[in-house]
Each structure stands twice: as C-alpha cells, then as structure tokens.
Amino acid sequence: MANNISQFERYLRVIVGAGLLLWTLFFQGAAWGWLGVIPLATGLIGWCPVYLLFRK
C-alpha cells in the first residue's frame, strides 16, 4: 500500500482530526466530532481509500 497523500496533507489531516476529537472529548461537542477519527487515521497511515476513486 503506497502513500497517496502528500506530507503537507498528512500534517493537516492529523491536526484537523486530533482537533475535532479533542473538541468532542473535552468540550462535549457534537457527536459528529467523532468523525475526526477518519482524517486522523488516514493522516497517520498516509493512505486514503477515497483517492482511489478520484485519482488515476
């Protein structure tokens, strides 16, 4: 499984995902904040399955 996310996008995904999760955990945010797991996980592994649909 080769990386299909750039280094900058990986950092951005980790920051956004962690931010959403922290906001949900500490400030009792909306339940949709748990969706932060998705960008966090894809940022950490460096591979996004959705990109298979949009890239050659």
Protein backbone atom coordinates (compact mmCIF):
# COMPACT_ATOMS: atom_id res chain seq x y z
CA MET A 1 0.00 0.00 0.00
CA ALA A 2 1.82 3.08 -1.25
CA ASN A 3 1.27 6.53 0.20
CA ASN A 4 -1.17 8.61 -1.82
CA ILE A 5 -1.27 11.66 0.47
CA SER A 6 1.35 14.40 0.40
CA GLN A 7 3.36 15.24 3.50
CA PHE A 8 1.58 18.59 3.94
CA GLU A 9 -1.84 16.96 3.66
CA ARG A 10 -0.84 14.31 6.20
CA TYR A 11 0.08 17.00 8.74
CA LEU A 12 -3.13 18.88 8.03
CA ARG A 13 -5.27 15.77 8.42
CA VAL A 14 -3.63 14.84 11.72
CA ILE A 15 -4.12 18.36 13.11
CA VAL A 16 -7.75 18.61 11.99
CA GLY A 17 -8.62 15.09 13.12
CA ALA A 18 -6.98 15.49 16.52
CA GLY A 19 -8.61 18.90 16.93
CA LEU A 20 -12.08 17.51 16.25
CA LEU A 21 -11.55 14.63 18.66
CA LEU A 22 -10.17 16.84 21.42
CA TRP A 23 -13.01 19.31 20.97
CA THR A 24 -15.54 16.49 21.24
CA LEU A 25 -13.87 14.89 24.27
CA PHE A 26 -13.06 17.94 26.37
CA PHE A 27 -15.80 20.39 25.45
CA GLN A 28 -18.60 17.87 24.92
CA GLY A 29 -19.02 18.88 21.30
CA ALA A 30 -21.45 17.41 18.86
CA ALA A 31 -21.41 13.70 18.11
CA TRP A 32 -20.22 14.38 14.55
CA GLY A 33 -16.89 15.42 16.09
CA TRP A 34 -16.08 11.71 16.31
CA LEU A 35 -15.65 11.81 12.54
CA GLY A 36 -12.24 13.27 13.35
CA VAL A 37 -11.06 9.67 13.62
CA ILE A 38 -11.16 9.40 9.82
CA PRO A 39 -8.75 12.23 8.93
CA LEU A 40 -6.56 11.33 11.90
CA ALA A 41 -6.25 7.69 10.79
CA THR A 42 -5.68 8.49 7.12
CA GLY A 43 -3.12 11.12 8.05
CA LEU A 44 -1.23 8.71 10.27
CA ILE A 45 -1.10 5.88 7.74
CA GLY A 46 -0.61 8.18 4.72
CA TRP A 47 -3.17 6.44 2.53
CA CYS A 48 -6.73 7.47 1.71
CA PRO A 49 -9.03 4.90 0.07
CA VAL A 50 -11.34 7.60 -1.31
CA TYR A 51 -8.50 8.89 -3.50
CA LEU A 52 -8.69 5.66 -5.49
CA LEU A 53 -11.98 6.92 -6.90
CA PHE A 54 -10.68 10.34 -7.95
CA ARG A 55 -7.05 9.81 -8.99
CA LYS A 56 -5.60 7.73 -11.78
